[in-house]
Amino acid sequence: MTTTARKSIFYIDLLRCIAAFAVVAIHVLGPFREMLGQIPDWEWLAASGINSITRWAVPVFMMISGALLLSDQRPFDCHHYLTRRLSKVAIPFIGWSIIYAFVMGFVDGNWQSDITWQALEQSPNEPAWYHLWFFYDFIPLYFVIPLLIPLLKVINPERFKLILVAWALLITMHWLHVETFLRQNLLMYTGYLLLGWYLFNRDNRDDLKWWLTAGCTMLCFNFFGTWYLSLEQGEYSSFFMGYKTLNTATIGGMLFVLAQTYGERIQGKLRLLISVISKYSLGIYLLHPLLLIPIRDIDNGFYAAFGSNWFAIPVLTIIVLLVSLVLTMALARLPFINKLVP
């Protein structure tokens, strides 16, 4: 979701596009995740299953940022970095926090200012809307990136592999709830920056079969493991759903290498659409929950209109994604407002 001045790289555009689709899907299916036993198991499995195979979305966005920003060869200019790069994330975050705090104030058709003010007062620690959590972990990474760039220019490749192995061990410990003072979000998410940089700056075609094997294995673990654990516990299990876990990192790496290997085969109008969605992916991420407010109210019947969640979730995801794209493109043409959808 980070915009850079470098020439567009299509497989990066492809990764942004599929990550944007996955994020929207996760939020479309949201109301049904916790409804095991309240709806038919087959309908619950649609939501749980799609959720389990799309949890790589945010980590892929972070890998893209690491791939591009850590590979920047230009001399570092602190003023330019803060005013041009960091501001493209910070300004939308602040602006949309205010917008969603205002939206939160609407209860039963009436706006209650005290709810909005409470959301704003809590916003330094709590996101005003569920999807804005991303910025609380992502913005601090912008202060890590300039410190990593000179290190990555001189580090021995074999020593760097050791860093990735150490990171894999840490996220495995986090996944299994092994207590350690090193289990902090900043450290965990920095690993995605490094993984993105590592894969971006090497030819991974010879390793594709290993990434496919590992990634597809983890996708199966996610799908069937979540299904099994949820039925055993009698409620939705999020064990396989973490962003800071080895399974998610492995799937993200697999998708990165797949896009890198085969992305250029996509041509024509589909390639153009993917590039457009990539360009406006941050705006799509920020805006689409507004469209989901009426949809996620199950009583409104949007899901029921399709007869089954297996159809409703993918179709609604596509519709919401495309409408969000059109609205983002329109907002991007407006002075001042365009800073909210860079």
C-alpha atoms as a PDB file:
ATOM      1  CA  MET A   1       0.000   0.000   0.000  1.00  0.00           C
ATOM      2  CA  THR A   2       3.001   2.255   0.058  1.00  0.00           C
ATOM      3  CA  THR A   3       3.526   4.519  -2.954  1.00  0.00           C
ATOM      4  CA  THR A   4       7.103   5.022  -4.162  1.00  0.00           C
ATOM      5  CA  ALA A   5       8.721   7.034  -6.914  1.00  0.00           C
ATOM      6  CA  ARG A   6      10.295   3.993  -8.567  1.00  0.00           C
ATOM      7  CA  LYS A   7       9.011   2.606 -11.857  1.00  0.00           C
ATOM      8  CA  SER A   8       6.075   0.263 -11.457  1.00  0.00           C
ATOM      9  CA  ILE A   9       6.971  -3.409 -11.111  1.00  0.00           C
ATOM     10  CA  PHE A  10       4.022  -5.465 -12.237  1.00  0.00           C
ATOM     11  CA  TYR A  11       4.391  -8.429  -9.911  1.00  0.00           C
ATOM     12  CA  ILE A  12       4.409  -5.970  -7.000  1.00  0.00           C
ATOM     13  CA  ASP A  13       1.201  -4.494  -8.419  1.00  0.00           C
ATOM     14  CA  LEU A  14      -0.211  -8.019  -8.604  1.00  0.00           C
ATOM     15  CA  LEU A  15       0.646  -8.659  -4.954  1.00  0.00           C
ATOM     16  CA  ARG A  16      -1.005  -5.394  -3.889  1.00  0.00           C
ATOM     17  CA  CYS A  17      -4.109  -6.297  -5.882  1.00  0.00           C
ATOM     18  CA  ILE A  18      -4.577  -9.758  -4.422  1.00  0.00           C
ATOM     19  CA  ALA A  19      -3.805  -8.450  -0.926  1.00  0.00           C
ATOM     20  CA  ALA A  20      -6.482  -5.760  -1.330  1.00  0.00           C
ATOM     21  CA  PHE A  21      -8.948  -8.435  -2.449  1.00  0.00           C
ATOM     22  CA  ALA A  22      -8.047 -10.627   0.537  1.00  0.00           C
ATOM     23  CA  VAL A  23      -8.475  -7.766   3.034  1.00  0.00           C
ATOM     24  CA  VAL A  24     -11.928  -6.940   1.697  1.00  0.00           C
ATOM     25  CA  ALA A  25     -12.884 -10.639   1.814  1.00  0.00           C
ATOM     26  CA  ILE A  26     -11.797 -10.909   5.458  1.00  0.00           C
ATOM     27  CA  HIS A  27     -14.021  -7.977   6.362  1.00  0.00           C
ATOM     28  CA  VAL A  28     -16.967  -9.151   4.241  1.00  0.00           C
ATOM     29  CA  LEU A  29     -17.049 -12.530   6.000  1.00  0.00           C
ATOM     30  CA  GLY A  30     -16.467 -11.015   9.437  1.00  0.00           C
ATOM     31  CA  PRO A  31     -20.010 -11.339  10.849  1.00  0.00           C
ATOM     32  CA  PHE A  32     -20.031 -15.124  10.400  1.00  0.00           C
ATOM     33  CA  ARG A  33     -16.705 -16.134  11.965  1.00  0.00           C
ATOM     34  CA  GLU A  34     -18.082 -16.343  15.490  1.00  0.00           C
ATOM     35  CA  MET A  35     -21.404 -17.952  14.496  1.00  0.00           C
ATOM     36  CA  LEU A  36     -20.464 -21.633  14.748  1.00  0.00           C
ATOM     37  CA  GLY A  37     -23.583 -23.434  15.938  1.00  0.00           C
ATOM     38  CA  GLN A  38     -25.803 -20.452  15.183  1.00  0.00           C
ATOM     39  CA  ILE A  39     -25.916 -21.012  11.426  1.00  0.00           C
ATOM     40  CA  PRO A  40     -25.577 -24.242   9.401  1.00  0.00           C
ATOM     41  CA  ASP A  41     -22.048 -25.634   9.680  1.00  0.00           C
ATOM     42  CA  TRP A  42     -21.632 -25.529   5.879  1.00  0.00           C
ATOM     43  CA  GLU A  43     -22.378 -21.784   5.858  1.00  0.00           C
ATOM     44  CA  TRP A  44     -20.053 -21.158   8.785  1.00  0.00           C
ATOM     45  CA  LEU A  45     -17.319 -23.134   7.014  1.00  0.00           C
ATOM     46  CA  ALA A  46     -17.576 -20.793   4.028  1.00  0.00           C
ATOM     47  CA  ALA A  47     -16.668 -17.835   6.234  1.00  0.00           C
ATOM     48  CA  SER A  48     -14.104 -19.719   8.307  1.00  0.00           C
ATOM     49  CA  GLY A  49     -12.521 -21.353   5.266  1.00  0.00           C
ATOM     50  CA  ILE A  50     -12.172 -18.169   3.214  1.00  0.00           C
ATOM     51  CA  ASN A  51     -10.853 -16.396   6.298  1.00  0.00           C
ATOM     52  CA  SER A  52      -8.255 -19.112   6.862  1.00  0.00           C
ATOM     53  CA  ILE A  53      -6.788 -18.824   3.350  1.00  0.00           C
ATOM     54  CA  THR A  54      -6.645 -15.016   3.192  1.00  0.00           C
ATOM     55  CA  ARG A  55      -4.868 -14.085   6.442  1.00  0.00           C
ATOM     56  CA  TRP A  56      -1.658 -13.314   4.558  1.00  0.00           C
ATOM     57  CA  ALA A  57      -3.057 -10.023   3.205  1.00  0.00           C
ATOM     58  CA  VAL A  58      -1.572  -7.508   5.648  1.00  0.00           C
ATOM     59  CA  PRO A  59       1.808  -9.311   5.882  1.00  0.00           C
ATOM     60  CA  VAL A  60       2.063  -9.184   2.074  1.00  0.00           C
ATOM     61  CA  PHE A  61       1.522  -5.419   2.183  1.00  0.00           C
ATOM     62  CA  MET A  62       4.367  -5.206   4.697  1.00  0.00           C
ATOM     63  CA  MET A  63       6.604  -7.385   2.543  1.00  0.00           C
ATOM     64  CA  ILE A  64       5.977  -5.062  -0.407  1.00  0.00           C
ATOM     65  CA  SER A  65       6.987  -2.066   1.695  1.00  0.00           C
ATOM     66  CA  GLY A  66      10.162  -3.835   2.769  1.00  0.00           C
ATOM     67  CA  ALA A  67      10.967  -4.898  -0.791  1.00  0.00           C
ATOM     68  CA  LEU A  68      10.683  -1.365  -2.167  1.00  0.00           C
ATOM     69  CA  LEU A  69      11.752   0.911   0.661  1.00  0.00           C
ATOM     70  CA  LEU A  70      14.701  -1.163   1.846  1.00  0.00           C
ATOM     71  CA  SER A  71      15.962  -1.439  -1.757  1.00  0.00           C
ATOM     72  CA  ASP A  72      16.010   2.331  -2.275  1.00  0.00           C
ATOM     73  CA  GLN A  73      19.527   3.333  -3.322  1.00  0.00           C
ATOM     74  CA  ARG A  74      19.050   7.095  -3.091  1.00  0.00           C
ATOM     75  CA  PRO A  75      20.838   9.069  -0.336  1.00  0.00           C
ATOM     76  CA  PHE A  76      18.679   9.354   2.749  1.00  0.00           C
ATOM     77  CA  ASP A  77      17.108  12.768   3.347  1.00  0.00           C
ATOM     78  CA  CYS A  78      15.259  12.941   6.666  1.00  0.00           C
ATOM     79  CA  HIS A  79      13.074  15.920   5.690  1.00  0.00           C
ATOM     80  CA  HIS A  80      12.034  14.306   2.413  1.00  0.00           C
ATOM     81  CA  TYR A  81      11.385  10.990   4.137  1.00  0.00           C
ATOM     82  CA  LEU A  82       9.139  12.512   6.800  1.00  0.00           C
ATOM     83  CA  THR A  83       7.266  14.948   4.573  1.00  0.00           C
ATOM     84  CA  ARG A  84       6.851  12.787   1.467  1.00  0.00           C
ATOM     85  CA  ARG A  85       6.882   9.147   2.497  1.00  0.00           C
ATOM     86  CA  LEU A  86       5.758   9.036   6.108  1.00  0.00           C
ATOM     87  CA  SER A  87       3.122  11.705   5.513  1.00  0.00           C
ATOM     88  CA  LYS A  88       1.484   9.547   2.827  1.00  0.00           C
ATOM     89  CA  VAL A  89       0.612   7.085   5.558  1.00  0.00           C
ATOM     90  CA  ALA A  90       0.224   9.390   8.568  1.00  0.00           C
ATOM     91  CA  ILE A  91      -2.143  11.920   6.973  1.00  0.00           C
ATOM     92  CA  PRO A  92      -4.653   9.300   5.741  1.00  0.00           C
ATOM     93  CA  PHE A  93      -4.484   7.574   9.120  1.00  0.00           C
ATOM     94  CA  ILE A  94      -5.323  10.767  11.010  1.00  0.00           C
ATOM     95  CA  GLY A  95      -7.959  11.866   8.506  1.00  0.00           C
ATOM     96  CA  TRP A  96      -9.782   8.552   8.381  1.00  0.00           C
ATOM     97  CA  SER A  97      -9.597   8.148  12.158  1.00  0.00           C
ATOM     98  CA  ILE A  98     -11.586  11.375  12.406  1.00  0.00           C
ATOM     99  CA  ILE A  99     -14.032  10.230   9.712  1.00  0.00           C
ATOM    100  CA  TYR A 100     -14.670   6.877  11.345  1.00  0.00           C
ATOM    101  CA  ALA A 101     -14.966   8.444  14.802  1.00  0.00           C
ATOM    102  CA  PHE A 102     -17.705  10.639  13.332  1.00  0.00           C
ATOM    103  CA  VAL A 103     -19.388   7.599  11.749  1.00  0.00           C
ATOM    104  CA  MET A 104     -19.203   5.746  15.054  1.00  0.00           C
ATOM    105  CA  GLY A 105     -21.263   8.523  16.600  1.00  0.00           C
ATOM    106  CA  PHE A 106     -24.309   7.602  14.511  1.00  0.00           C
ATOM    107  CA  VAL A 107     -26.574   5.401  16.609  1.00  0.00           C
ATOM    108  CA  ASP A 108     -30.113   4.550  15.474  1.00  0.00           C
ATOM    109  CA  GLY A 109     -30.022   7.321  12.888  1.00  0.00           C
ATOM    110  CA  ASN A 110     -28.926  10.034  15.309  1.00  0.00           C
ATOM    111  CA  TRP A 111     -25.446  11.428  15.792  1.00  0.00           C
ATOM    112  CA  GLN A 112     -24.212  11.384  19.386  1.00  0.00           C
ATOM    113  CA  SER A 113     -21.243  13.697  19.777  1.00  0.00           C
ATOM    114  CA  ASP A 114     -20.088  12.111  23.034  1.00  0.00           C
ATOM    115  CA  ILE A 115     -19.452   8.787  21.264  1.00  0.00           C
ATOM    116  CA  THR A 116     -17.397  10.525  18.579  1.00  0.00           C
ATOM    117  CA  TRP A 117     -15.362  12.471  21.119  1.00  0.00           C
ATOM    118  CA  GLN A 118     -14.765   9.338  23.145  1.00  0.00           C
ATOM    119  CA  ALA A 119     -13.490   7.541  20.023  1.00  0.00           C
ATOM    120  CA  LEU A 120     -11.157  10.458  19.268  1.00  0.00           C
ATOM    121  CA  GLU A 121      -9.867  10.575  22.837  1.00  0.00           C
ATOM    122  CA  GLN A 122      -9.112   6.858  22.729  1.00  0.00           C
ATOM    123  CA  SER A 123      -7.611   6.948  19.221  1.00  0.00           C
ATOM    124  CA  PRO A 124      -3.975   7.263  20.409  1.00  0.00           C
ATOM    125  CA  ASN A 125      -4.386   3.740  21.821  1.00  0.00           C
ATOM    126  CA  GLU A 126      -7.458   2.253  20.139  1.00  0.00           C
ATOM    127  CA  PRO A 127      -8.400   2.424  16.437  1.00  0.00           C
ATOM    128  CA  ALA A 128     -11.601   4.281  15.643  1.00  0.00           C
ATOM    129  CA  TRP A 129     -12.632   1.447  13.297  1.00  0.00           C
ATOM    130  CA  TYR A 130     -11.543  -2.174  13.143  1.00  0.00           C
ATOM    131  CA  HIS A 131      -9.334  -1.959  10.041  1.00  0.00           C
ATOM    132  CA  LEU A 132      -7.286   1.013  11.259  1.00  0.00           C
ATOM    133  CA  TRP A 133      -5.295  -1.227  13.633  1.00  0.00           C
ATOM    134  CA  PHE A 134      -2.888  -1.724  10.747  1.00  0.00           C
ATOM    135  CA  PHE A 135      -1.484   1.792  11.043  1.00  0.00           C
ATOM    136  CA  TYR A 136      -0.630   1.421  14.725  1.00  0.00           C
ATOM    137  CA  ASP A 137       1.830  -1.303  13.806  1.00  0.00           C
ATOM    138  CA  PHE A 138       2.801  -0.101  10.329  1.00  0.00           C
ATOM    139  CA  ILE A 139       3.717   3.543  10.999  1.00  0.00           C
ATOM    140  CA  PRO A 140       6.433   2.647  13.573  1.00  0.00           C
ATOM    141  CA  LEU A 141       8.086   0.513  10.887  1.00  0.00           C
ATOM    142  CA  TYR A 142       8.796   3.711   8.940  1.00  0.00           C
ATOM    143  CA  PHE A 143      11.248   4.693  11.666  1.00  0.00           C
ATOM    144  CA  VAL A 144      12.969   1.312  11.457  1.00  0.00           C
ATOM    145  CA  ILE A 145      13.417   1.267   7.671  1.00  0.00           C
ATOM    146  CA  PRO A 146      16.092   4.047   7.428  1.00  0.00           C
ATOM    147  CA  LEU A 147      18.128   2.260  10.105  1.00  0.00           C
ATOM    148  CA  LEU A 148      17.994  -1.061   8.270  1.00  0.00           C
ATOM    149  CA  ILE A 149      19.026   0.196   4.820  1.00  0.00           C
ATOM    150  CA  PRO A 150      22.746   0.790   5.567  1.00  0.00           C
ATOM    151  CA  LEU A 151      22.934  -2.522   7.459  1.00  0.00           C
ATOM    152  CA  LEU A 152      21.489  -4.467   4.540  1.00  0.00           C
ATOM    153  CA  LYS A 153      24.016  -2.937   2.145  1.00  0.00           C
ATOM    154  CA  VAL A 154      26.942  -4.477   3.997  1.00  0.00           C
ATOM    155  CA  ILE A 155      25.626  -7.614   5.665  1.00  0.00           C
ATOM    156  CA  ASN A 156      26.875 -10.983   4.460  1.00  0.00           C
ATOM    157  CA  PRO A 157      24.066 -12.931   2.697  1.00  0.00           C
ATOM    158  CA  GLU A 158      24.633 -15.996   4.869  1.00  0.00           C
ATOM    159  CA  ARG A 159      24.400 -13.918   8.050  1.00  0.00           C
ATOM    160  CA  PHE A 160      21.187 -12.396   6.752  1.00  0.00           C
ATOM    161  CA  LYS A 161      19.711 -15.873   6.314  1.00  0.00           C
ATOM    162  CA  LEU A 162      20.473 -16.438   9.987  1.00  0.00           C
ATOM    163  CA  ILE A 163      18.454 -13.316  10.833  1.00  0.00           C
ATOM    164  CA  LEU A 164      15.476 -14.714   8.894  1.00  0.00           C
ATOM    165  CA  VAL A 165      15.819 -18.037  10.708  1.00  0.00           C
ATOM    166  CA  ALA A 166      15.887 -16.220  14.061  1.00  0.00           C
ATOM    167  CA  TRP A 167      12.780 -14.274  13.054  1.00  0.00           C
ATOM    168  CA  ALA A 168      11.046 -17.513  12.008  1.00  0.00           C
ATOM    169  CA  LEU A 169      11.852 -18.926  15.448  1.00  0.00           C
ATOM    170  CA  LEU A 170      10.415 -15.848  17.183  1.00  0.00           C
ATOM    171  CA  ILE A 171       7.139 -15.907  15.277  1.00  0.00           C
ATOM    172  CA  THR A 172       6.850 -19.635  15.953  1.00  0.00           C
ATOM    173  CA  MET A 173       7.275 -18.917  19.670  1.00  0.00           C
ATOM    174  CA  HIS A 174       4.612 -16.229  19.386  1.00  0.00           C
ATOM    175  CA  TRP A 175       2.311 -18.653  17.580  1.00  0.00           C
ATOM    176  CA  LEU A 176       2.717 -21.265  20.312  1.00  0.00           C
ATOM    177  CA  HIS A 177       2.443 -18.657  23.092  1.00  0.00           C
ATOM    178  CA  VAL A 178       5.960 -19.201  24.393  1.00  0.00           C
ATOM    179  CA  GLU A 179       6.627 -16.182  26.601  1.00  0.00           C
ATOM    180  CA  THR A 180       9.620 -13.966  25.769  1.00  0.00           C
ATOM    181  CA  PHE A 181      10.343 -10.253  26.099  1.00  0.00           C
ATOM    182  CA  LEU A 182      11.286 -10.242  22.391  1.00  0.00           C
ATOM    183  CA  ARG A 183       7.715 -10.987  21.329  1.00  0.00           C
ATOM    184  CA  GLN A 184       6.806  -7.431  20.375  1.00  0.00           C
ATOM    185  CA  ASN A 185       4.908  -6.191  17.336  1.00  0.00           C
ATOM    186  CA  LEU A 186       7.696  -3.921  16.095  1.00  0.00           C
ATOM    187  CA  LEU A 187      10.188  -6.772  16.015  1.00  0.00           C
ATOM    188  CA  MET A 188       7.721  -9.258  14.546  1.00  0.00           C
ATOM    189  CA  TYR A 189       6.558  -7.020  11.726  1.00  0.00           C
ATOM    190  CA  THR A 190      10.098  -5.856  10.921  1.00  0.00           C
ATOM    191  CA  GLY A 191      10.681  -9.456   9.880  1.00  0.00           C
ATOM    192  CA  TYR A 192       8.171  -9.038   7.054  1.00  0.00           C
ATOM    193  CA  LEU A 193      10.103  -6.016   5.791  1.00  0.00           C
ATOM    194  CA  LEU A 194      13.284  -8.095   5.745  1.00  0.00           C
ATOM    195  CA  LEU A 195      11.607 -11.077   4.092  1.00  0.00           C
ATOM    196  CA  GLY A 196      10.188  -8.830   1.379  1.00  0.00           C
ATOM    197  CA  TRP A 197      13.605  -7.247   0.777  1.00  0.00           C
ATOM    198  CA  TYR A 198      15.283 -10.660   0.674  1.00  0.00           C
ATOM    199  CA  LEU A 199      12.880 -12.146  -1.876  1.00  0.00           C
ATOM    200  CA  PHE A 200      12.798  -8.954  -3.950  1.00  0.00           C
ATOM    201  CA  ASN A 201      16.563  -8.869  -4.419  1.00  0.00           C
ATOM    202  CA  ARG A 202      17.195 -12.450  -5.510  1.00  0.00           C
ATOM    203  CA  ASP A 203      16.101 -14.910  -8.167  1.00  0.00           C
ATOM    204  CA  ASN A 204      13.755 -17.324  -6.397  1.00  0.00           C
ATOM    205  CA  ARG A 205      12.678 -19.460  -9.335  1.00  0.00           C
ATOM    206  CA  ASP A 206      14.797 -22.440  -8.304  1.00  0.00           C
ATOM    207  CA  ASP A 207      13.209 -22.365  -4.860  1.00  0.00           C
ATOM    208  CA  LEU A 208       9.613 -22.072  -6.106  1.00  0.00           C
ATOM    209  CA  LYS A 209       8.825 -25.765  -5.573  1.00  0.00           C
ATOM    210  CA  TRP A 210       9.869 -25.521  -1.931  1.00  0.00           C
ATOM    211  CA  TRP A 211       7.836 -22.371  -1.368  1.00  0.00           C
ATOM    212  CA  LEU A 212       4.821 -23.997  -3.037  1.00  0.00           C
ATOM    213  CA  THR A 213       5.123 -27.116  -0.931  1.00  0.00           C
ATOM    214  CA  ALA A 214       5.492 -25.191   2.316  1.00  0.00           C
ATOM    215  CA  GLY A 215       2.872 -22.561   1.481  1.00  0.00           C
ATOM    216  CA  CYS A 216       0.207 -24.995   0.292  1.00  0.00           C
ATOM    217  CA  THR A 217       0.843 -27.169   3.346  1.00  0.00           C
ATOM    218  CA  MET A 218       0.251 -24.166   5.588  1.00  0.00           C
ATOM    219  CA  LEU A 219      -2.931 -23.244   3.689  1.00  0.00           C
ATOM    220  CA  CYS A 220      -4.227 -26.768   4.350  1.00  0.00           C
ATOM    221  CA  PHE A 221      -3.287 -26.470   8.006  1.00  0.00           C
ATOM    222  CA  ASN A 222      -5.157 -23.179   8.170  1.00  0.00           C
ATOM    223  CA  PHE A 223      -8.322 -24.480   6.531  1.00  0.00           C
ATOM    224  CA  PHE A 224      -8.645 -27.928   8.074  1.00  0.00           C
ATOM    225  CA  GLY A 225      -6.930 -27.019  11.345  1.00  0.00           C
ATOM    226  CA  THR A 226      -9.338 -24.153  11.997  1.00  0.00           C
ATOM    227  CA  TRP A 227     -12.276 -26.373  11.090  1.00  0.00           C
ATOM    228  CA  TYR A 228     -11.118 -29.160  13.427  1.00  0.00           C
ATOM    229  CA  LEU A 229     -10.175 -26.970  16.395  1.00  0.00           C
ATOM    230  CA  SER A 230     -13.393 -24.966  16.153  1.00  0.00           C
ATOM    231  CA  LEU A 231     -15.542 -28.108  16.174  1.00  0.00           C
ATOM    232  CA  GLU A 232     -13.518 -29.516  19.081  1.00  0.00           C
ATOM    233  CA  GLN A 233     -13.883 -26.321  21.128  1.00  0.00           C
ATOM    234  CA  GLY A 234     -17.458 -25.623  20.090  1.00  0.00           C
ATOM    235  CA  GLU A 235     -16.485 -22.095  19.025  1.00  0.00           C
ATOM    236  CA  TYR A 236     -14.365 -20.351  16.410  1.00  0.00           C
ATOM    237  CA  SER A 237     -10.624 -20.964  16.880  1.00  0.00           C
ATOM    238  CA  SER A 238      -8.172 -18.268  15.795  1.00  0.00           C
ATOM    239  CA  PHE A 239      -5.079 -20.423  16.422  1.00  0.00           C
ATOM    240  CA  PHE A 240      -4.037 -20.452  12.752  1.00  0.00           C
ATOM    241  CA  MET A 241      -5.179 -16.903  12.022  1.00  0.00           C
ATOM    242  CA  GLY A 242      -2.372 -14.758  13.462  1.00  0.00           C
ATOM    243  CA  TYR A 243      -0.363 -12.318  11.359  1.00  0.00           C
ATOM    244  CA  LYS A 244       2.787 -12.927  13.410  1.00  0.00           C
ATOM    245  CA  THR A 245       2.963 -16.677  12.938  1.00  0.00           C
ATOM    246  CA  LEU A 246       5.137 -18.983  10.859  1.00  0.00           C
ATOM    247  CA  ASN A 247       2.248 -20.317   8.781  1.00  0.00           C
ATOM    248  CA  THR A 248       1.202 -16.825   7.684  1.00  0.00           C
ATOM    249  CA  ALA A 249       4.783 -15.789   6.897  1.00  0.00           C
ATOM    250  CA  THR A 250       5.288 -18.954   4.840  1.00  0.00           C
ATOM    251  CA  ILE A 251       2.123 -18.361   2.805  1.00  0.00           C
ATOM    252  CA  GLY A 252       3.104 -14.732   2.241  1.00  0.00           C
ATOM    253  CA  GLY A 253       6.532 -15.799   1.026  1.00  0.00           C
ATOM    254  CA  MET A 254       4.994 -18.358  -1.321  1.00  0.00           C
ATOM    255  CA  LEU A 255       2.681 -15.780  -2.877  1.00  0.00           C
ATOM    256  CA  PHE A 256       5.563 -13.318  -3.290  1.00  0.00           C
ATOM    257  CA  VAL A 257       7.658 -15.906  -5.150  1.00  0.00           C
ATOM    258  CA  LEU A 258       4.688 -17.053  -7.250  1.00  0.00           C
ATOM    259  CA  ALA A 259       3.918 -13.499  -8.344  1.00  0.00           C
ATOM    260  CA  GLN A 260       7.591 -12.859  -9.001  1.00  0.00           C
ATOM    261  CA  THR A 261       7.835 -15.979 -11.172  1.00  0.00           C
ATOM    262  CA  TYR A 262       4.604 -15.852 -13.151  1.00  0.00           C
ATOM    263  CA  GLY A 263       3.278 -12.295 -12.829  1.00  0.00           C
ATOM    264  CA  GLU A 264       4.592 -11.150 -16.203  1.00  0.00           C
ATOM    265  CA  ARG A 265       2.444 -13.726 -17.979  1.00  0.00           C
ATOM    266  CA  ILE A 266      -0.633 -11.622 -17.229  1.00  0.00           C
ATOM    267  CA  GLN A 267      -1.378  -9.292 -20.123  1.00  0.00           C
ATOM    268  CA  GLY A 268      -4.151  -7.210 -21.645  1.00  0.00           C
ATOM    269  CA  LYS A 269      -7.080  -5.671 -19.796  1.00  0.00           C
ATOM    270  CA  LEU A 270      -6.594  -7.832 -16.716  1.00  0.00           C
ATOM    271  CA  ARG A 271      -3.065  -6.480 -16.336  1.00  0.00           C
ATOM    272  CA  LEU A 272      -4.394  -2.922 -16.594  1.00  0.00           C
ATOM    273  CA  LEU A 273      -7.107  -3.563 -13.992  1.00  0.00           C
ATOM    274  CA  ILE A 274      -4.579  -5.089 -11.596  1.00  0.00           C
ATOM    275  CA  SER A 275      -2.304  -2.056 -11.976  1.00  0.00           C
ATOM    276  CA  VAL A 276      -5.189   0.341 -11.295  1.00  0.00           C
ATOM    277  CA  ILE A 277      -6.293  -1.551  -8.175  1.00  0.00           C
ATOM    278  CA  SER A 278      -2.679  -1.576  -6.991  1.00  0.00           C
ATOM    279  CA  LYS A 279      -2.353   2.174  -7.474  1.00  0.00           C
ATOM    280  CA  TYR A 280      -5.416   2.881  -5.337  1.00  0.00           C
ATOM    281  CA  SER A 281      -5.027   0.008  -2.867  1.00  0.00           C
ATOM    282  CA  LEU A 282      -4.473   2.230   0.172  1.00  0.00           C
ATOM    283  CA  GLY A 283      -7.631   4.199  -0.579  1.00  0.00           C
ATOM    284  CA  ILE A 284      -9.553   0.962  -1.070  1.00  0.00           C
ATOM    285  CA  TYR A 285      -8.277  -0.305   2.270  1.00  0.00           C
ATOM    286  CA  LEU A 286      -9.332   2.862   4.054  1.00  0.00           C
ATOM    287  CA  LEU A 287     -12.708   3.377   2.396  1.00  0.00           C
ATOM    288  CA  HIS A 288     -14.279  -0.049   1.970  1.00  0.00           C
ATOM    289  CA  PRO A 289     -15.485  -0.518   5.596  1.00  0.00           C
ATOM    290  CA  LEU A 290     -17.911   2.367   5.020  1.00  0.00           C
ATOM    291  CA  LEU A 291     -19.593   0.339   2.288  1.00  0.00           C
ATOM    292  CA  LEU A 292     -19.696  -2.694   4.556  1.00  0.00           C
ATOM    293  CA  ILE A 293     -21.683  -0.989   7.318  1.00  0.00           C
ATOM    294  CA  PRO A 294     -25.097  -1.892   5.829  1.00  0.00           C
ATOM    295  CA  ILE A 295     -23.827  -5.146   4.309  1.00  0.00           C
ATOM    296  CA  ARG A 296     -22.436  -6.569   7.568  1.00  0.00           C
ATOM    297  CA  ASP A 297     -25.836  -6.091   9.230  1.00  0.00           C
ATOM    298  CA  ILE A 298     -27.107  -9.592   8.503  1.00  0.00           C
ATOM    299  CA  ASP A 299     -30.721  -8.507   8.942  1.00  0.00           C
ATOM    300  CA  ASN A 300     -30.427  -6.362   5.801  1.00  0.00           C
ATOM    301  CA  GLY A 301     -30.316  -9.526   3.707  1.00  0.00           C
ATOM    302  CA  PHE A 302     -27.289  -8.843   1.482  1.00  0.00           C
ATOM    303  CA  TYR A 303     -25.774 -12.260   2.194  1.00  0.00           C
ATOM    304  CA  ALA A 304     -29.103 -14.098   2.054  1.00  0.00           C
ATOM    305  CA  ALA A 305     -29.774 -12.717  -1.427  1.00  0.00           C
ATOM    306  CA  PHE A 306     -27.107 -15.061  -2.810  1.00  0.00           C
ATOM    307  CA  GLY A 307     -28.520 -18.158  -1.149  1.00  0.00           C
ATOM    308  CA  SER A 308     -25.226 -19.301   0.366  1.00  0.00           C
ATOM    309  CA  ASN A 309     -22.141 -17.754   1.943  1.00  0.00           C
ATOM    310  CA  TRP A 310     -20.038 -19.726  -0.534  1.00  0.00           C
ATOM    311  CA  PHE A 311     -21.400 -17.391  -3.226  1.00  0.00           C
ATOM    312  CA  ALA A 312     -22.203 -14.324  -1.153  1.00  0.00           C
ATOM    313  CA  ILE A 313     -18.732 -13.720   0.283  1.00  0.00           C
ATOM    314  CA  PRO A 314     -16.739 -13.844  -3.000  1.00  0.00           C
ATOM    315  CA  VAL A 315     -19.338 -11.878  -4.986  1.00  0.00           C
ATOM    316  CA  LEU A 316     -19.798  -9.201  -2.326  1.00  0.00           C
ATOM    317  CA  THR A 317     -16.020  -8.959  -2.021  1.00  0.00           C
ATOM    318  CA  ILE A 318     -15.685  -8.226  -5.733  1.00  0.00           C
ATOM    319  CA  ILE A 319     -18.538  -5.712  -5.683  1.00  0.00           C
ATOM    320  CA  VAL A 320     -17.220  -3.864  -2.621  1.00  0.00           C
ATOM    321  CA  LEU A 321     -13.686  -3.856  -4.028  1.00  0.00           C
ATOM    322  CA  LEU A 322     -14.772  -2.385  -7.377  1.00  0.00           C
ATOM    323  CA  VAL A 323     -17.099   0.217  -5.846  1.00  0.00           C
ATOM    324  CA  SER A 324     -14.342   1.203  -3.407  1.00  0.00           C
ATOM    325  CA  LEU A 325     -11.971   1.531  -6.355  1.00  0.00           C
ATOM    326  CA  VAL A 326     -14.329   3.843  -8.252  1.00  0.00           C
ATOM    327  CA  LEU A 327     -14.940   6.011  -5.169  1.00  0.00           C
ATOM    328  CA  THR A 328     -11.219   6.160  -4.387  1.00  0.00           C
ATOM    329  CA  MET A 329     -10.424   7.218  -7.956  1.00  0.00           C
ATOM    330  CA  ALA A 330     -13.055   9.960  -7.693  1.00  0.00           C
ATOM    331  CA  LEU A 331     -11.739  11.213  -4.348  1.00  0.00           C
ATOM    332  CA  ALA A 332      -8.188  11.192  -5.699  1.00  0.00           C
ATOM    333  CA  ARG A 333      -9.213  13.877  -8.205  1.00  0.00           C
ATOM    334  CA  LEU A 334     -10.354  16.317  -5.513  1.00  0.00           C
ATOM    335  CA  PRO A 335      -7.893  18.890  -4.105  1.00  0.00           C
ATOM    336  CA  PHE A 336      -6.964  18.320  -0.445  1.00  0.00           C
ATOM    337  CA  ILE A 337      -9.271  15.279  -0.233  1.00  0.00           C
ATOM    338  CA  ASN A 338      -6.806  13.404  -2.424  1.00  0.00           C
ATOM    339  CA  LYS A 339      -4.339  13.361   0.456  1.00  0.00           C
ATOM    340  CA  LEU A 340      -6.651  10.936   2.220  1.00  0.00           C
ATOM    341  CA  VAL A 341      -6.358   8.416  -0.623  1.00  0.00           C
ATOM    342  CA  PRO A 342      -2.746   8.759  -1.873  1.00  0.00           C
END
